[in-house]
Amino acid sequence: MGTWVCLTLVLEFINCIYFFPRDPDWADVKLAQAKYLLSRIAKFKTLISDRYECIPEVILAGDFNSTPGDMVYQYLVSGNPSSNLTPDCLEESPSPIPLCSVYASTRGEPPFTNYTPGLHWNT
């Protein structure tokens, strides 16, 4: 399953690093983890905002094991998985925290979110 690596606060921003499982057969698990991850980050952001009277920015990094266009990626950057990709067992709900891709807004999305030489798997 996914692994929390770090959730830190430097009053101006919240930095979170997360690793999703690689197996493409676990798309529904990865989407559920993405939803849970963003809900926890949103709660943490609210806690910090209330306690310190500030609105910290959120930086989410990690090994998403996703490609642009898959459910997890779409949920992370738009708040909604593409309806034609969403498993029936997962209801669509908007993301509790707005995120955007730095790549998309600067240089354009790469065709992957991680790279391991010699590793090839179908997405």
N, C-alpha and C. Protein backbone atom coordinates (compact mmCIF):
# COMPACT_ATOMS: atom_id res chain seq x y z
N MET A 1 0.83 -1.17 0.00
CA MET A 1 0.00 0.00 0.00
C MET A 1 0.89 1.24 0.00
N GLY A 2 0.27 2.40 0.02
CA GLY A 2 1.01 3.66 0.03
C GLY A 2 1.71 3.87 1.35
N THR A 3 2.67 4.75 1.35
CA THR A 3 3.46 5.02 2.53
C THR A 3 3.55 6.51 2.78
N TRP A 4 3.20 6.94 3.99
CA TRP A 4 3.45 8.33 4.38
C TRP A 4 4.93 8.44 4.65
N VAL A 5 5.56 9.40 4.08
CA VAL A 5 6.96 9.62 4.36
C VAL A 5 7.13 10.84 5.23
N CYS A 6 6.42 11.89 4.93
CA CYS A 6 6.66 13.12 5.67
C CYS A 6 5.46 14.05 5.54
N LEU A 7 5.08 14.66 6.63
CA LEU A 7 4.09 15.72 6.61
C LEU A 7 4.63 16.78 7.56
N THR A 8 5.18 17.84 7.01
CA THR A 8 5.83 18.85 7.83
C THR A 8 5.20 20.21 7.60
N LEU A 9 5.45 21.09 8.53
CA LEU A 9 4.91 22.44 8.44
C LEU A 9 6.02 23.45 8.67
N VAL A 10 6.08 24.42 7.81
CA VAL A 10 6.97 25.56 7.98
C VAL A 10 6.10 26.79 7.83
N LEU A 11 5.14 26.97 8.67
CA LEU A 11 4.12 28.01 8.69
C LEU A 11 3.71 28.60 7.35
N GLU A 12 4.62 28.77 6.41
CA GLU A 12 4.22 29.28 5.11
C GLU A 12 3.69 28.17 4.21
N PHE A 13 4.12 26.93 4.43
CA PHE A 13 3.65 25.85 3.57
C PHE A 13 3.67 24.52 4.31
N ILE A 14 2.86 23.60 3.79
CA ILE A 14 2.81 22.23 4.27
C ILE A 14 3.45 21.37 3.19
N ASN A 15 4.43 20.56 3.56
CA ASN A 15 5.11 19.70 2.62
C ASN A 15 4.72 18.26 2.94
N CYS A 16 4.19 17.56 1.97
CA CYS A 16 3.79 16.17 2.15
C CYS A 16 4.41 15.33 1.04
N ILE A 17 4.99 14.21 1.43
CA ILE A 17 5.57 13.28 0.47
C ILE A 17 4.86 11.95 0.64
N TYR A 18 4.42 11.35 -0.47
CA TYR A 18 3.63 10.12 -0.40
C TYR A 18 4.02 9.19 -1.54
N PHE A 19 3.97 7.90 -1.29
CA PHE A 19 4.29 6.90 -2.31
C PHE A 19 3.09 5.99 -2.52
N PHE A 20 2.57 5.97 -3.75
CA PHE A 20 1.45 5.10 -4.10
C PHE A 20 1.99 3.76 -4.59
N PRO A 21 1.19 2.68 -4.44
CA PRO A 21 1.64 1.38 -4.94
C PRO A 21 1.78 1.41 -6.46
N ARG A 22 2.67 0.58 -6.98
CA ARG A 22 2.96 0.57 -8.41
C ARG A 22 1.96 -0.23 -9.21
N ASP A 23 1.40 -1.26 -8.66
CA ASP A 23 0.57 -2.22 -9.41
C ASP A 23 -0.63 -1.54 -10.08
N PRO A 24 -0.69 -1.55 -11.42
CA PRO A 24 -1.81 -0.90 -12.12
C PRO A 24 -3.15 -1.58 -11.85
N ASP A 25 -3.15 -2.81 -11.36
CA ASP A 25 -4.40 -3.48 -11.01
C ASP A 25 -5.03 -2.90 -9.74
N TRP A 26 -4.31 -2.08 -9.02
CA TRP A 26 -4.81 -1.49 -7.78
C TRP A 26 -5.28 -0.06 -8.00
N ALA A 27 -5.79 0.25 -9.16
CA ALA A 27 -6.22 1.62 -9.47
C ALA A 27 -7.26 2.11 -8.47
N ASP A 28 -8.20 1.27 -8.09
CA ASP A 28 -9.23 1.68 -7.13
C ASP A 28 -8.63 1.93 -5.75
N VAL A 29 -7.63 1.14 -5.37
CA VAL A 29 -6.95 1.33 -4.08
C VAL A 29 -6.19 2.64 -4.09
N LYS A 30 -5.49 2.91 -5.20
CA LYS A 30 -4.73 4.16 -5.29
C LYS A 30 -5.65 5.37 -5.25
N LEU A 31 -6.82 5.28 -5.90
CA LEU A 31 -7.76 6.39 -5.87
C LEU A 31 -8.31 6.61 -4.47
N ALA A 32 -8.63 5.53 -3.77
CA ALA A 32 -9.10 5.65 -2.39
C ALA A 32 -8.01 6.26 -1.51
N GLN A 33 -6.76 5.87 -1.72
CA GLN A 33 -5.65 6.45 -0.96
C GLN A 33 -5.48 7.93 -1.28
N ALA A 34 -5.64 8.30 -2.54
CA ALA A 34 -5.52 9.71 -2.92
C ALA A 34 -6.60 10.54 -2.23
N LYS A 35 -7.82 10.02 -2.20
CA LYS A 35 -8.92 10.72 -1.54
C LYS A 35 -8.64 10.87 -0.05
N TYR A 36 -8.18 9.80 0.58
CA TYR A 36 -7.88 9.85 2.01
C TYR A 36 -6.72 10.81 2.28
N LEU A 37 -5.68 10.72 1.47
CA LEU A 37 -4.51 11.59 1.62
C LEU A 37 -4.92 13.06 1.58
N LEU A 38 -5.69 13.45 0.56
CA LEU A 38 -6.08 14.86 0.43
C LEU A 38 -7.03 15.29 1.55
N SER A 39 -7.87 14.38 2.03
CA SER A 39 -8.75 14.75 3.15
C SER A 39 -7.93 14.99 4.42
N ARG A 40 -6.89 14.20 4.65
CA ARG A 40 -6.03 14.39 5.83
C ARG A 40 -5.20 15.68 5.70
N ILE A 41 -4.69 15.95 4.50
CA ILE A 41 -3.94 17.19 4.30
C ILE A 41 -4.85 18.39 4.52
N ALA A 42 -6.09 18.32 4.02
CA ALA A 42 -7.03 19.42 4.20
C ALA A 42 -7.33 19.65 5.69
N LYS A 43 -7.50 18.58 6.45
CA LYS A 43 -7.75 18.71 7.89
C LYS A 43 -6.54 19.33 8.59
N PHE A 44 -5.34 18.89 8.19
CA PHE A 44 -4.12 19.45 8.78
C PHE A 44 -3.99 20.93 8.44
N LYS A 45 -4.30 21.29 7.20
CA LYS A 45 -4.24 22.69 6.79
C LYS A 45 -5.22 23.54 7.59
N THR A 46 -6.42 23.03 7.80
CA THR A 46 -7.42 23.75 8.60
C THR A 46 -6.94 23.92 10.04
N LEU A 47 -6.39 22.87 10.61
CA LEU A 47 -5.86 22.94 11.98
C LEU A 47 -4.79 24.01 12.10
N ILE A 48 -3.86 24.03 11.16
CA ILE A 48 -2.78 25.02 11.17
C ILE A 48 -3.33 26.42 10.95
N SER A 49 -4.26 26.55 10.00
CA SER A 49 -4.86 27.86 9.72
C SER A 49 -5.54 28.43 10.96
N ASP A 50 -6.30 27.60 11.66
CA ASP A 50 -7.00 28.05 12.86
C ASP A 50 -6.05 28.38 14.00
N ARG A 51 -5.05 27.54 14.17
CA ARG A 51 -4.13 27.72 15.30
C ARG A 51 -3.20 28.91 15.12
N TYR A 52 -2.69 29.12 13.90
CA TYR A 52 -1.68 30.14 13.67
C TYR A 52 -2.19 31.33 12.86
N GLU A 53 -3.48 31.33 12.55
CA GLU A 53 -4.09 32.43 11.79
C GLU A 53 -3.33 32.73 10.51
N CYS A 54 -3.08 31.68 9.76
CA CYS A 54 -2.41 31.81 8.47
C CYS A 54 -3.03 30.78 7.53
N ILE A 55 -2.77 30.92 6.25
CA ILE A 55 -3.25 29.95 5.28
C ILE A 55 -2.03 29.40 4.54
N PRO A 56 -1.48 28.29 5.02
CA PRO A 56 -0.28 27.76 4.38
C PRO A 56 -0.58 27.15 3.02
N GLU A 57 0.38 27.24 2.12
CA GLU A 57 0.30 26.58 0.82
C GLU A 57 0.62 25.10 1.02
N VAL A 58 0.19 24.26 0.11
CA VAL A 58 0.44 22.82 0.21
C VAL A 58 1.33 22.39 -0.95
N ILE A 59 2.38 21.64 -0.62
CA ILE A 59 3.23 21.03 -1.62
C ILE A 59 3.13 19.52 -1.43
N LEU A 60 2.63 18.84 -2.44
CA LEU A 60 2.50 17.38 -2.39
C LEU A 60 3.47 16.81 -3.41
N ALA A 61 4.37 15.98 -2.96
CA ALA A 61 5.36 15.36 -3.84
C ALA A 61 5.38 13.86 -3.54
N GLY A 62 5.98 13.11 -4.41
CA GLY A 62 6.11 11.69 -4.16
C GLY A 62 6.18 10.87 -5.42
N ASP A 63 6.09 9.59 -5.23
CA ASP A 63 6.07 8.65 -6.33
C ASP A 63 4.61 8.24 -6.50
N PHE A 64 3.94 8.85 -7.47
CA PHE A 64 2.51 8.62 -7.65
C PHE A 64 2.22 7.39 -8.50
N ASN A 65 3.24 6.85 -9.17
CA ASN A 65 3.04 5.69 -10.03
C ASN A 65 1.80 5.85 -10.89
N SER A 66 1.71 6.99 -11.53
CA SER A 66 0.56 7.33 -12.35
C SER A 66 1.04 7.97 -13.64
N THR A 67 0.13 8.03 -14.59
CA THR A 67 0.41 8.75 -15.81
C THR A 67 -0.68 9.80 -15.99
N PRO A 68 -0.37 10.92 -16.66
CA PRO A 68 -1.42 11.90 -16.89
C PRO A 68 -2.61 11.23 -17.58
N GLY A 69 -3.78 11.44 -17.03
CA GLY A 69 -4.97 10.85 -17.59
C GLY A 69 -5.55 9.72 -16.77
N ASP A 70 -4.76 9.11 -15.86
CA ASP A 70 -5.36 8.04 -15.06
C ASP A 70 -6.13 8.63 -13.88
N MET A 71 -6.87 7.80 -13.18
CA MET A 71 -7.78 8.27 -12.12
C MET A 71 -7.07 9.05 -11.02
N VAL A 72 -5.98 8.49 -10.52
CA VAL A 72 -5.28 9.14 -9.40
C VAL A 72 -4.77 10.51 -9.82
N TYR A 73 -4.12 10.57 -10.96
CA TYR A 73 -3.59 11.83 -11.44
C TYR A 73 -4.71 12.85 -11.63
N GLN A 74 -5.79 12.44 -12.29
CA GLN A 74 -6.91 13.36 -12.52
C GLN A 74 -7.50 13.86 -11.21
N TYR A 75 -7.61 12.99 -10.23
CA TYR A 75 -8.16 13.40 -8.94
C TYR A 75 -7.23 14.41 -8.25
N LEU A 76 -5.93 14.14 -8.29
CA LEU A 76 -4.98 15.03 -7.62
C LEU A 76 -4.95 16.42 -8.23
N VAL A 77 -5.02 16.52 -9.56
CA VAL A 77 -4.89 17.83 -10.19
C VAL A 77 -6.21 18.53 -10.49
N SER A 78 -7.31 17.79 -10.51
CA SER A 78 -8.57 18.45 -10.85
C SER A 78 -9.64 18.29 -9.78
N GLY A 79 -9.43 17.38 -8.85
CA GLY A 79 -10.42 17.16 -7.81
C GLY A 79 -11.48 16.16 -8.18
N ASN A 80 -11.44 15.64 -9.39
CA ASN A 80 -12.40 14.63 -9.82
C ASN A 80 -11.72 13.63 -10.72
N PRO A 81 -11.93 12.33 -10.46
CA PRO A 81 -11.42 11.35 -11.41
C PRO A 81 -12.30 11.39 -12.65
N SER A 82 -11.74 11.09 -13.78
CA SER A 82 -12.54 11.05 -15.01
C SER A 82 -13.64 10.02 -14.84
N SER A 83 -14.88 10.39 -15.13
CA SER A 83 -16.01 9.50 -14.87
C SER A 83 -15.93 8.19 -15.63
N ASN A 84 -15.27 8.18 -16.78
CA ASN A 84 -15.18 6.93 -17.52
C ASN A 84 -14.11 6.00 -16.96
N LEU A 85 -13.31 6.48 -16.01
CA LEU A 85 -12.27 5.65 -15.40
C LEU A 85 -12.60 5.24 -13.98
N THR A 86 -13.57 5.87 -13.35
CA THR A 86 -13.87 5.62 -11.95
C THR A 86 -14.52 4.27 -11.76
N PRO A 87 -13.98 3.43 -10.87
CA PRO A 87 -14.61 2.15 -10.58
C PRO A 87 -16.00 2.38 -9.96
N ASP A 88 -16.91 1.45 -10.23
CA ASP A 88 -18.27 1.58 -9.72
C ASP A 88 -18.32 1.66 -8.19
N CYS A 89 -17.34 1.04 -7.53
CA CYS A 89 -17.39 0.98 -6.07
C CYS A 89 -16.97 2.29 -5.41
N LEU A 90 -16.43 3.21 -6.18
CA LEU A 90 -15.99 4.49 -5.60
C LEU A 90 -16.86 5.62 -6.12
N GLU A 91 -17.53 6.28 -5.21
CA GLU A 91 -18.34 7.41 -5.63
C GLU A 91 -17.44 8.60 -5.95
N GLU A 92 -17.85 9.38 -6.91
CA GLU A 92 -17.07 10.57 -7.24
C GLU A 92 -17.36 11.66 -6.24
N SER A 93 -16.33 12.26 -5.73
CA SER A 93 -16.49 13.39 -4.83
C SER A 93 -15.36 14.36 -5.12
N PRO A 94 -15.64 15.64 -5.04
CA PRO A 94 -14.59 16.61 -5.35
C PRO A 94 -13.47 16.56 -4.30
N SER A 95 -12.30 16.94 -4.73
CA SER A 95 -11.15 16.97 -3.83
C SER A 95 -11.38 18.00 -2.73
N PRO A 96 -10.99 17.66 -1.50
CA PRO A 96 -11.16 18.61 -0.40
C PRO A 96 -10.13 19.73 -0.41
N ILE A 97 -9.15 19.63 -1.29
CA ILE A 97 -8.09 20.64 -1.33
C ILE A 97 -7.65 20.82 -2.79
N PRO A 98 -7.65 22.05 -3.30
CA PRO A 98 -7.27 22.25 -4.69
C PRO A 98 -5.75 22.12 -4.89
N LEU A 99 -5.37 21.37 -5.88
CA LEU A 99 -3.97 21.20 -6.24
C LEU A 99 -3.82 21.46 -7.73
N CYS A 100 -2.61 21.75 -8.15
CA CYS A 100 -2.32 21.84 -9.57
C CYS A 100 -0.93 21.28 -9.80
N SER A 101 -0.65 20.92 -11.02
CA SER A 101 0.64 20.36 -11.37
C SER A 101 1.60 21.49 -11.73
N VAL A 102 2.76 21.50 -11.09
CA VAL A 102 3.77 22.50 -11.43
C VAL A 102 4.26 22.25 -12.86
N TYR A 103 4.41 20.99 -13.22
CA TYR A 103 4.83 20.68 -14.60
C TYR A 103 3.86 21.27 -15.61
N ALA A 104 2.55 21.04 -15.39
CA ALA A 104 1.55 21.50 -16.35
C ALA A 104 1.59 23.01 -16.52
N SER A 105 1.89 23.72 -15.43
CA SER A 105 1.87 25.18 -15.51
C SER A 105 3.22 25.78 -15.91
N THR A 106 4.24 24.95 -16.07
CA THR A 106 5.54 25.49 -16.47
C THR A 106 6.04 24.89 -17.78
N ARG A 107 6.38 23.61 -17.78
CA ARG A 107 7.00 22.99 -18.95
C ARG A 107 6.12 21.99 -19.67
N GLY A 108 4.96 21.69 -19.14
CA GLY A 108 4.12 20.65 -19.71
C GLY A 108 4.34 19.33 -19.01
N GLU A 109 3.30 18.52 -18.98
CA GLU A 109 3.38 17.25 -18.27
C GLU A 109 4.29 16.25 -18.96
N PRO A 110 5.12 15.54 -18.18
CA PRO A 110 5.85 14.42 -18.77
C PRO A 110 4.88 13.24 -18.91
N PRO A 111 5.24 12.23 -19.68
CA PRO A 111 4.33 11.10 -19.86
C PRO A 111 4.33 10.13 -18.68
N PHE A 112 4.97 10.50 -17.58
CA PHE A 112 5.09 9.63 -16.41
C PHE A 112 5.28 10.49 -15.18
N THR A 113 5.10 9.90 -13.99
CA THR A 113 5.38 10.63 -12.76
C THR A 113 6.56 10.03 -12.02
N ASN A 114 7.13 8.99 -12.55
CA ASN A 114 8.37 8.44 -12.02
C ASN A 114 9.08 7.73 -13.17
N TYR A 115 10.35 7.41 -13.00
CA TYR A 115 11.07 6.72 -14.05
C TYR A 115 12.09 5.79 -13.40
N THR A 116 12.02 4.52 -13.79
CA THR A 116 12.99 3.53 -13.35
C THR A 116 13.55 2.88 -14.59
N PRO A 117 14.85 3.06 -14.88
CA PRO A 117 15.43 2.45 -16.08
C PRO A 117 15.19 0.94 -16.10
N GLY A 118 14.74 0.44 -17.23
CA GLY A 118 14.54 -1.00 -17.39
C GLY A 118 13.19 -1.50 -16.91
N LEU A 119 12.42 -0.70 -16.20
CA LEU A 119 11.11 -1.13 -15.72
C LEU A 119 10.05 -0.69 -16.71
N HIS A 120 9.29 -1.63 -17.22
CA HIS A 120 8.22 -1.33 -18.17
C HIS A 120 6.97 -2.06 -17.72
N TRP A 121 5.87 -1.32 -17.58
CA TRP A 121 4.59 -1.94 -17.25
C TRP A 121 3.49 -1.17 -17.93
N ASN A 122 2.45 -1.87 -18.28
CA ASN A 122 1.34 -1.25 -18.98
C ASN A 122 0.52 -0.39 -18.05
N THR A 123 0.09 0.76 -18.54
CA THR A 123 -0.75 1.63 -17.73
C THR A 123 -2.15 1.68 -18.28
